[in-house]
């Protein structure tokens, strides 16, 4: 076998390995495409339950400092 033949065989082996890798990835994606993820369902349920417990972001009573203006000072 000459040097040119060795190069061609090595290139074919690299291409076969790459094609096999892509085929494996595609087959695993197709097999798992319809399967529901249990962890995603659990996280979705937890997110729904925490949405109801969220409190308003702002403070209930304004505890402004003496040097601060009221929030609606511009309306006067």
C-alpha atoms as a PDB file:
ATOM      1  CA  UNK A   1       0.000   0.000   0.000  1.00  0.00           C
ATOM      2  CA  UNK A   2       1.435   3.352  -0.989  1.00  0.00           C
ATOM      3  CA  UNK A   3       1.380   6.604   0.989  1.00  0.00           C
ATOM      4  CA  UNK A   4      -1.480   7.967  -1.132  1.00  0.00           C
ATOM      5  CA  UNK A   5      -3.574   4.885  -0.419  1.00  0.00           C
ATOM      6  CA  UNK A   6      -2.930   5.210   3.322  1.00  0.00           C
ATOM      7  CA  UNK A   7      -4.082   8.816   3.249  1.00  0.00           C
ATOM      8  CA  UNK A   8      -7.273   7.882   1.369  1.00  0.00           C
ATOM      9  CA  UNK A   9      -8.031   5.012   3.775  1.00  0.00           C
ATOM     10  CA  UNK A  10      -7.497   7.265   6.796  1.00  0.00           C
ATOM     11  CA  UNK A  11      -9.803   9.908   5.328  1.00  0.00           C
ATOM     12  CA  UNK A  12     -12.468   7.278   4.681  1.00  0.00           C
ATOM     13  CA  UNK A  13     -12.168   6.040   8.260  1.00  0.00           C
ATOM     14  CA  UNK A  14     -12.559   9.582   9.606  1.00  0.00           C
ATOM     15  CA  UNK A  15     -15.634  10.119   7.410  1.00  0.00           C
ATOM     16  CA  UNK A  16     -17.154   6.813   8.539  1.00  0.00           C
ATOM     17  CA  UNK A  17     -16.604   7.670  12.204  1.00  0.00           C
ATOM     18  CA  UNK A  18     -18.182  11.118  11.687  1.00  0.00           C
ATOM     19  CA  UNK A  19     -21.166   9.608   9.855  1.00  0.00           C
ATOM     20  CA  UNK A  20     -21.603   7.008  12.585  1.00  0.00           C
ATOM     21  CA  UNK A  21     -21.528   9.684  15.277  1.00  0.00           C
ATOM     22  CA  UNK A  22     -24.139  11.787  13.494  1.00  0.00           C
ATOM     23  CA  UNK A  23     -26.318   8.741  12.892  1.00  0.00           C
ATOM     24  CA  UNK A  24     -26.135   7.779  16.562  1.00  0.00           C
ATOM     25  CA  UNK A  25     -27.117  11.293  17.635  1.00  0.00           C
ATOM     26  CA  UNK A  26     -30.033  11.449  15.202  1.00  0.00           C
ATOM     27  CA  UNK A  27     -31.336   8.008  16.209  1.00  0.00           C
ATOM     28  CA  UNK A  28     -31.200   8.868  19.905  1.00  0.00           C
ATOM     29  CA  UNK A  29     -33.006  12.167  19.230  1.00  0.00           C
ATOM     30  CA  UNK A  30     -35.742  10.411  17.279  1.00  0.00           C
ATOM     31  CA  UNK A  31     -36.210   7.775  19.994  1.00  0.00           C
ATOM     32  CA  UNK A  32     -36.506  10.332  22.795  1.00  0.00           C
ATOM     33  CA  UNK A  33     -38.508  12.979  20.934  1.00  0.00           C
ATOM     34  CA  UNK A  34     -41.911  11.760  22.101  1.00  0.00           C
ATOM     35  CA  UNK A  35     -40.904  10.875  25.641  1.00  0.00           C
ATOM     36  CA  UNK A  36     -41.998  13.279  28.375  1.00  0.00           C
ATOM     37  CA  UNK A  37     -39.380  14.433  30.797  1.00  0.00           C
ATOM     38  CA  UNK A  38     -40.384  13.724  34.399  1.00  0.00           C
ATOM     39  CA  UNK A  39     -38.074  16.382  35.777  1.00  0.00           C
ATOM     40  CA  UNK A  40     -39.595  19.024  33.517  1.00  0.00           C
ATOM     41  CA  UNK A  41     -43.070  18.094  34.745  1.00  0.00           C
ATOM     42  CA  UNK A  42     -41.969  18.342  38.384  1.00  0.00           C
ATOM     43  CA  UNK A  43     -40.382  21.739  37.791  1.00  0.00           C
ATOM     44  CA  UNK A  44     -43.491  22.924  35.968  1.00  0.00           C
ATOM     45  CA  UNK A  45     -45.701  21.874  38.896  1.00  0.00           C
ATOM     46  CA  UNK A  46     -43.382  23.599  41.364  1.00  0.00           C
ATOM     47  CA  UNK A  47     -43.400  26.778  39.295  1.00  0.00           C
ATOM     48  CA  UNK A  48     -47.207  26.819  39.241  1.00  0.00           C
ATOM     49  CA  UNK A  49     -47.388  26.437  43.031  1.00  0.00           C
ATOM     50  CA  UNK A  50     -44.876  29.215  43.724  1.00  0.00           C
ATOM     51  CA  UNK A  51     -46.649  31.687  41.434  1.00  0.00           C
ATOM     52  CA  UNK A  52     -49.558  31.889  43.830  1.00  0.00           C
ATOM     53  CA  UNK A  53     -47.337  32.646  46.832  1.00  0.00           C
ATOM     54  CA  UNK A  54     -45.586  35.667  45.330  1.00  0.00           C
ATOM     55  CA  UNK A  55     -46.040  38.850  47.347  1.00  0.00           C
ATOM     56  CA  UNK A  56     -46.049  42.345  45.881  1.00  0.00           C
ATOM     57  CA  UNK A  57     -42.582  43.675  45.219  1.00  0.00           C
ATOM     58  CA  UNK A  58     -43.009  47.154  46.677  1.00  0.00           C
ATOM     59  CA  UNK A  59     -43.047  48.052  50.356  1.00  0.00           C
ATOM     60  CA  UNK A  60     -46.460  48.297  51.983  1.00  0.00           C
ATOM     61  CA  UNK A  61     -45.660  51.499  53.844  1.00  0.00           C
ATOM     62  CA  UNK A  62     -43.396  54.158  52.515  1.00  0.00           C
ATOM     63  CA  UNK A  63     -40.638  54.757  54.974  1.00  0.00           C
ATOM     64  CA  UNK A  64     -39.068  57.737  53.283  1.00  0.00           C
ATOM     65  CA  UNK A  65     -36.253  59.718  54.740  1.00  0.00           C
ATOM     66  CA  UNK A  66     -36.897  63.354  55.693  1.00  0.00           C
ATOM     67  CA  UNK A  67     -34.858  64.670  52.757  1.00  0.00           C
ATOM     68  CA  UNK A  68     -36.743  62.594  50.153  1.00  0.00           C
ATOM     69  CA  UNK A  69     -39.650  64.016  48.169  1.00  0.00           C
ATOM     70  CA  UNK A  70     -42.949  62.200  47.875  1.00  0.00           C
ATOM     71  CA  UNK A  71     -43.356  59.928  44.868  1.00  0.00           C
ATOM     72  CA  UNK A  72     -46.034  62.171  43.324  1.00  0.00           C
ATOM     73  CA  UNK A  73     -44.347  65.536  43.973  1.00  0.00           C
ATOM     74  CA  UNK A  74     -44.707  66.508  40.339  1.00  0.00           C
ATOM     75  CA  UNK A  75     -48.534  66.329  40.476  1.00  0.00           C
ATOM     76  CA  UNK A  76     -48.865  69.331  42.805  1.00  0.00           C
END
